[in-house]
Amino acid sequence: MQRTAGAGRPRRFCSQACRQWDWVARQRASELALSEDELVMTRSQLDALRDQIYVLQCAIHDVEHDLDPSIDPTSRDFKAALVWLLAAAKPLTEDQLTPSRTSPSGMPRP
């Protein structure tokens, strides 16, 4: 989102559609009595997130084991560990939680 100099309040949303979905989300949160710190996500989104976190935890454990100073790891070991750790971490940084394809009212989104 570009910031423009000039009169008025700074923009909070990149488009009118984003502004509208924010309003819809706040209305739905109000209906569900959700606090500002709570959110609703699908079971499949939660499961996918948990799976990605588990893979990252396993990678961290593997790297800690493979790079144990008592076994005198080589530079090849360090490189392999870094590649594995990055491969496990990237999906967490690239996966974006997106709104579902239906609105809170059950109507399909555009």
N, C-alpha and C. Protein backbone atom coordinates (compact mmCIF):
# COMPACT_ATOMS: atom_id res chain seq x y z
N MET A 1 0.85 -1.17 0.00
CA MET A 1 0.00 0.00 0.00
C MET A 1 0.90 1.23 0.00
N GLN A 2 0.67 2.13 -0.92
CA GLN A 2 1.48 3.33 -1.01
C GLN A 2 0.94 4.39 -0.06
N ARG A 3 1.87 5.09 0.55
CA ARG A 3 1.49 6.22 1.38
C ARG A 3 1.59 7.48 0.55
N THR A 4 0.58 8.27 0.62
CA THR A 4 0.59 9.53 -0.13
C THR A 4 0.57 10.68 0.84
N ALA A 5 1.29 11.72 0.49
CA ALA A 5 1.29 12.92 1.31
C ALA A 5 0.06 13.73 0.95
N GLY A 6 -0.48 14.39 1.91
CA GLY A 6 -1.63 15.23 1.63
C GLY A 6 -2.56 15.29 2.82
N ALA A 7 -3.65 15.95 2.59
CA ALA A 7 -4.64 16.13 3.65
C ALA A 7 -5.40 14.84 3.90
N GLY A 8 -5.96 14.74 5.06
CA GLY A 8 -6.79 13.60 5.39
C GLY A 8 -6.07 12.54 6.18
N ARG A 9 -6.83 11.57 6.59
CA ARG A 9 -6.27 10.46 7.36
C ARG A 9 -5.48 9.53 6.46
N PRO A 10 -4.48 8.85 7.01
CA PRO A 10 -3.75 7.87 6.19
C PRO A 10 -4.66 6.68 5.87
N ARG A 11 -4.43 6.05 4.72
CA ARG A 11 -5.22 4.90 4.32
C ARG A 11 -4.92 3.71 5.21
N ARG A 12 -5.96 2.98 5.59
CA ARG A 12 -5.79 1.76 6.38
C ARG A 12 -5.95 0.51 5.54
N PHE A 13 -6.59 0.66 4.38
CA PHE A 13 -6.90 -0.50 3.54
C PHE A 13 -6.41 -0.24 2.13
N CYS A 14 -6.01 -1.33 1.47
CA CYS A 14 -5.48 -1.19 0.11
C CYS A 14 -6.59 -0.96 -0.91
N SER A 15 -7.80 -1.38 -0.59
CA SER A 15 -8.91 -1.20 -1.54
C SER A 15 -10.23 -1.13 -0.78
N GLN A 16 -11.25 -0.75 -1.50
CA GLN A 16 -12.59 -0.71 -0.90
C GLN A 16 -13.04 -2.12 -0.52
N ALA A 17 -12.66 -3.12 -1.31
CA ALA A 17 -13.03 -4.50 -1.01
C ALA A 17 -12.40 -4.96 0.32
N CYS A 18 -11.14 -4.61 0.55
CA CYS A 18 -10.49 -4.97 1.83
C CYS A 18 -11.17 -4.26 2.99
N ARG A 19 -11.54 -3.03 2.77
CA ARG A 19 -12.25 -2.28 3.81
C ARG A 19 -13.58 -2.95 4.13
N GLN A 20 -14.30 -3.38 3.08
CA GLN A 20 -15.59 -4.05 3.26
C GLN A 20 -15.42 -5.36 4.02
N TRP A 21 -14.42 -6.18 3.65
CA TRP A 21 -14.23 -7.45 4.33
C TRP A 21 -13.80 -7.26 5.78
N ASP A 22 -13.09 -6.18 6.07
CA ASP A 22 -12.75 -5.89 7.45
C ASP A 22 -14.03 -5.59 8.24
N TRP A 23 -14.92 -4.83 7.65
CA TRP A 23 -16.19 -4.50 8.31
C TRP A 23 -16.99 -5.78 8.53
N VAL A 24 -17.08 -6.65 7.51
CA VAL A 24 -17.81 -7.91 7.63
C VAL A 24 -17.21 -8.76 8.74
N ALA A 25 -15.89 -8.82 8.78
CA ALA A 25 -15.21 -9.61 9.82
C ALA A 25 -15.51 -9.07 11.21
N ARG A 26 -15.49 -7.75 11.34
CA ARG A 26 -15.80 -7.17 12.66
C ARG A 26 -17.25 -7.43 13.06
N GLN A 27 -18.18 -7.38 12.10
CA GLN A 27 -19.58 -7.67 12.39
C GLN A 27 -19.76 -9.12 12.82
N ARG A 28 -19.11 -10.02 12.11
CA ARG A 28 -19.21 -11.45 12.44
C ARG A 28 -18.58 -11.74 13.79
N ALA A 29 -17.45 -11.10 14.08
CA ALA A 29 -16.81 -11.26 15.39
C ALA A 29 -17.73 -10.78 16.50
N SER A 30 -18.43 -9.71 16.24
CA SER A 30 -19.39 -9.20 17.21
C SER A 30 -20.52 -10.20 17.44
N GLU A 31 -21.04 -10.79 16.35
CA GLU A 31 -22.10 -11.79 16.45
C GLU A 31 -21.65 -13.00 17.27
N LEU A 32 -20.39 -13.40 17.10
CA LEU A 32 -19.86 -14.57 17.80
C LEU A 32 -19.30 -14.24 19.18
N ALA A 33 -19.34 -12.98 19.54
CA ALA A 33 -18.82 -12.50 20.83
C ALA A 33 -17.33 -12.80 20.97
N LEU A 34 -16.58 -12.58 19.88
CA LEU A 34 -15.14 -12.78 19.91
C LEU A 34 -14.46 -11.51 20.38
N SER A 35 -13.43 -11.67 21.17
CA SER A 35 -12.65 -10.51 21.59
C SER A 35 -11.69 -10.12 20.46
N GLU A 36 -11.01 -9.01 20.62
CA GLU A 36 -10.05 -8.53 19.63
C GLU A 36 -8.91 -9.54 19.41
N ASP A 37 -8.62 -10.37 20.41
CA ASP A 37 -7.51 -11.31 20.33
C ASP A 37 -7.90 -12.70 19.84
N GLU A 38 -9.17 -12.93 19.53
CA GLU A 38 -9.62 -14.23 19.09
C GLU A 38 -9.91 -14.21 17.59
N LEU A 39 -9.83 -15.38 16.98
CA LEU A 39 -10.15 -15.48 15.56
C LEU A 39 -10.80 -16.81 15.28
N VAL A 40 -11.39 -16.91 14.10
CA VAL A 40 -12.03 -18.14 13.67
C VAL A 40 -11.28 -18.63 12.44
N MET A 41 -10.92 -19.91 12.45
CA MET A 41 -10.28 -20.50 11.28
C MET A 41 -10.84 -21.90 11.09
N THR A 42 -10.71 -22.40 9.89
CA THR A 42 -11.24 -23.73 9.60
C THR A 42 -10.36 -24.79 10.24
N ARG A 43 -10.93 -25.94 10.45
CA ARG A 43 -10.19 -27.07 11.02
C ARG A 43 -9.03 -27.45 10.10
N SER A 44 -9.26 -27.41 8.78
CA SER A 44 -8.20 -27.78 7.84
C SER A 44 -7.05 -26.77 7.88
N GLN A 45 -7.35 -25.49 8.06
CA GLN A 45 -6.29 -24.49 8.18
C GLN A 45 -5.48 -24.73 9.45
N LEU A 46 -6.18 -25.02 10.55
CA LEU A 46 -5.49 -25.28 11.81
C LEU A 46 -4.63 -26.54 11.71
N ASP A 47 -5.17 -27.58 11.10
CA ASP A 47 -4.40 -28.82 10.93
C ASP A 47 -3.16 -28.61 10.07
N ALA A 48 -3.32 -27.85 8.99
CA ALA A 48 -2.17 -27.58 8.10
C ALA A 48 -1.11 -26.78 8.85
N LEU A 49 -1.52 -25.81 9.63
CA LEU A 49 -0.57 -25.01 10.42
C LEU A 49 0.15 -25.87 11.44
N ARG A 50 -0.61 -26.73 12.12
CA ARG A 50 0.02 -27.63 13.10
C ARG A 50 1.01 -28.58 12.42
N ASP A 51 0.66 -29.08 11.24
CA ASP A 51 1.56 -29.96 10.51
C ASP A 51 2.87 -29.26 10.16
N GLN A 52 2.76 -28.02 9.68
CA GLN A 52 3.95 -27.25 9.32
C GLN A 52 4.82 -26.97 10.54
N ILE A 53 4.21 -26.68 11.66
CA ILE A 53 4.96 -26.44 12.89
C ILE A 53 5.65 -27.73 13.34
N TYR A 54 4.97 -28.87 13.20
CA TYR A 54 5.57 -30.15 13.57
C TYR A 54 6.79 -30.44 12.71
N VAL A 55 6.68 -30.20 11.41
CA VAL A 55 7.82 -30.42 10.51
C VAL A 55 9.00 -29.54 10.92
N LEU A 56 8.72 -28.28 11.27
CA LEU A 56 9.79 -27.38 11.70
C LEU A 56 10.41 -27.86 13.02
N GLN A 57 9.58 -28.32 13.95
CA GLN A 57 10.12 -28.85 15.21
C GLN A 57 11.03 -30.05 14.95
N CYS A 58 10.62 -30.93 14.06
CA CYS A 58 11.45 -32.09 13.72
C CYS A 58 12.77 -31.65 13.08
N ALA A 59 12.70 -30.66 12.21
CA ALA A 59 13.91 -30.16 11.56
C ALA A 59 14.87 -29.58 12.59
N ILE A 60 14.34 -28.82 13.53
CA ILE A 60 15.19 -28.24 14.58
C ILE A 60 15.85 -29.36 15.39
N HIS A 61 15.06 -30.36 15.75
CA HIS A 61 15.61 -31.48 16.51
C HIS A 61 16.72 -32.19 15.72
N ASP A 62 16.44 -32.43 14.42
CA ASP A 62 17.44 -33.09 13.57
C ASP A 62 18.73 -32.28 13.47
N VAL A 63 18.59 -30.97 13.29
CA VAL A 63 19.76 -30.11 13.15
C VAL A 63 20.56 -30.09 14.45
N GLU A 64 19.86 -29.99 15.57
CA GLU A 64 20.57 -30.02 16.86
C GLU A 64 21.34 -31.33 17.02
N HIS A 65 20.74 -32.43 16.61
CA HIS A 65 21.40 -33.73 16.72
C HIS A 65 22.57 -33.84 15.73
N ASP A 66 22.32 -33.42 14.48
CA ASP A 66 23.36 -33.55 13.45
C ASP A 66 24.56 -32.63 13.67
N LEU A 67 24.34 -31.53 14.34
CA LEU A 67 25.44 -30.58 14.56
C LEU A 67 25.97 -30.62 15.99
N ASP A 68 25.78 -31.73 16.64
CA ASP A 68 26.31 -31.91 17.99
C ASP A 68 27.82 -31.74 17.95
N PRO A 69 28.37 -30.84 18.77
CA PRO A 69 29.82 -30.59 18.74
C PRO A 69 30.66 -31.83 19.06
N SER A 70 30.10 -32.78 19.77
CA SER A 70 30.88 -33.96 20.14
C SER A 70 31.18 -34.86 18.94
N ILE A 71 30.45 -34.70 17.83
CA ILE A 71 30.73 -35.53 16.64
C ILE A 71 31.53 -34.75 15.60
N ASP A 72 31.92 -33.53 15.90
CA ASP A 72 32.75 -32.71 15.03
C ASP A 72 32.17 -32.59 13.61
N PRO A 73 31.04 -31.87 13.47
CA PRO A 73 30.39 -31.76 12.16
C PRO A 73 31.26 -31.01 11.15
N THR A 74 31.14 -31.42 9.90
CA THR A 74 31.90 -30.79 8.81
C THR A 74 31.09 -29.64 8.21
N SER A 75 31.73 -28.90 7.33
CA SER A 75 31.00 -27.82 6.66
C SER A 75 29.87 -28.40 5.80
N ARG A 76 30.06 -29.60 5.27
CA ARG A 76 28.99 -30.25 4.51
C ARG A 76 27.80 -30.54 5.42
N ASP A 77 28.07 -30.96 6.66
CA ASP A 77 26.99 -31.20 7.63
C ASP A 77 26.22 -29.91 7.92
N PHE A 78 26.97 -28.81 8.09
CA PHE A 78 26.32 -27.53 8.36
C PHE A 78 25.45 -27.10 7.19
N LYS A 79 25.96 -27.29 5.98
CA LYS A 79 25.20 -26.91 4.80
C LYS A 79 23.93 -27.75 4.68
N ALA A 80 24.05 -29.05 4.86
CA ALA A 80 22.89 -29.94 4.78
C ALA A 80 21.85 -29.58 5.84
N ALA A 81 22.33 -29.27 7.04
CA ALA A 81 21.42 -28.89 8.12
C ALA A 81 20.68 -27.59 7.79
N LEU A 82 21.40 -26.63 7.24
CA LEU A 82 20.78 -25.36 6.88
C LEU A 82 19.74 -25.55 5.77
N VAL A 83 20.07 -26.35 4.79
CA VAL A 83 19.12 -26.62 3.70
C VAL A 83 17.85 -27.26 4.24
N TRP A 84 18.00 -28.25 5.12
CA TRP A 84 16.85 -28.94 5.71
C TRP A 84 16.02 -27.98 6.57
N LEU A 85 16.69 -27.17 7.36
CA LEU A 85 15.99 -26.22 8.21
C LEU A 85 15.22 -25.19 7.39
N LEU A 86 15.84 -24.68 6.33
CA LEU A 86 15.14 -23.73 5.46
C LEU A 86 13.96 -24.38 4.76
N ALA A 87 14.12 -25.61 4.30
CA ALA A 87 13.02 -26.30 3.63
C ALA A 87 11.84 -26.50 4.57
N ALA A 88 12.12 -26.72 5.84
CA ALA A 88 11.05 -26.90 6.82
C ALA A 88 10.41 -25.57 7.23
N ALA A 89 11.18 -24.49 7.21
CA ALA A 89 10.67 -23.19 7.67
C ALA A 89 9.94 -22.41 6.58
N LYS A 90 10.35 -22.56 5.33
CA LYS A 90 9.76 -21.75 4.26
C LYS A 90 8.25 -21.89 4.13
N PRO A 91 7.67 -23.07 4.22
CA PRO A 91 6.21 -23.15 4.10
C PRO A 91 5.48 -22.30 5.14
N LEU A 92 6.05 -22.16 6.31
CA LEU A 92 5.41 -21.33 7.34
C LEU A 92 5.44 -19.85 6.98
N THR A 93 6.47 -19.43 6.28
CA THR A 93 6.56 -18.02 5.92
C THR A 93 5.81 -17.71 4.64
N GLU A 94 5.62 -18.71 3.79
CA GLU A 94 4.96 -18.48 2.51
C GLU A 94 3.46 -18.70 2.58
N ASP A 95 2.99 -19.52 3.50
CA ASP A 95 1.57 -19.82 3.59
C ASP A 95 0.85 -18.65 4.24
N GLN A 96 -0.10 -18.11 3.53
CA GLN A 96 -0.88 -17.01 4.06
C GLN A 96 -2.28 -17.51 4.42
N LEU A 97 -2.73 -17.18 5.60
CA LEU A 97 -4.10 -17.51 5.96
C LEU A 97 -5.00 -16.56 5.19
N THR A 98 -5.90 -17.10 4.42
CA THR A 98 -6.76 -16.28 3.60
C THR A 98 -8.20 -16.46 4.01
N PRO A 99 -9.03 -15.47 3.72
CA PRO A 99 -10.45 -15.64 4.04
C PRO A 99 -11.03 -16.81 3.27
N SER A 100 -12.03 -17.42 3.84
CA SER A 100 -12.68 -18.53 3.14
C SER A 100 -13.42 -18.01 1.93
N ARG A 101 -13.84 -18.90 1.07
CA ARG A 101 -14.53 -18.52 -0.16
C ARG A 101 -15.99 -18.17 0.07
N THR A 102 -16.46 -18.30 1.30
CA THR A 102 -17.82 -17.86 1.60
C THR A 102 -17.76 -16.79 2.65
N SER A 103 -18.70 -15.92 2.59
CA SER A 103 -18.78 -14.85 3.58
C SER A 103 -19.37 -15.41 4.86
N PRO A 104 -19.30 -14.65 5.96
CA PRO A 104 -19.88 -15.14 7.21
C PRO A 104 -21.37 -15.43 7.09
N SER A 105 -22.05 -14.80 6.13
CA SER A 105 -23.48 -15.05 5.94
C SER A 105 -23.74 -16.32 5.13
N GLY A 106 -22.65 -16.94 4.62
CA GLY A 106 -22.79 -18.15 3.83
C GLY A 106 -22.86 -17.91 2.34
N MET A 107 -22.86 -16.67 1.92
CA MET A 107 -22.91 -16.32 0.50
C MET A 107 -21.51 -16.42 -0.10
N PRO A 108 -21.40 -16.92 -1.36
CA PRO A 108 -20.08 -17.01 -2.00
C PRO A 108 -19.45 -15.62 -2.15
N ARG A 109 -18.16 -15.57 -1.93
CA ARG A 109 -17.44 -14.31 -2.13
C ARG A 109 -17.12 -14.14 -3.61
N PRO A 110 -16.94 -12.89 -4.02
CA PRO A 110 -16.61 -12.65 -5.43
C PRO A 110 -15.24 -13.16 -5.79
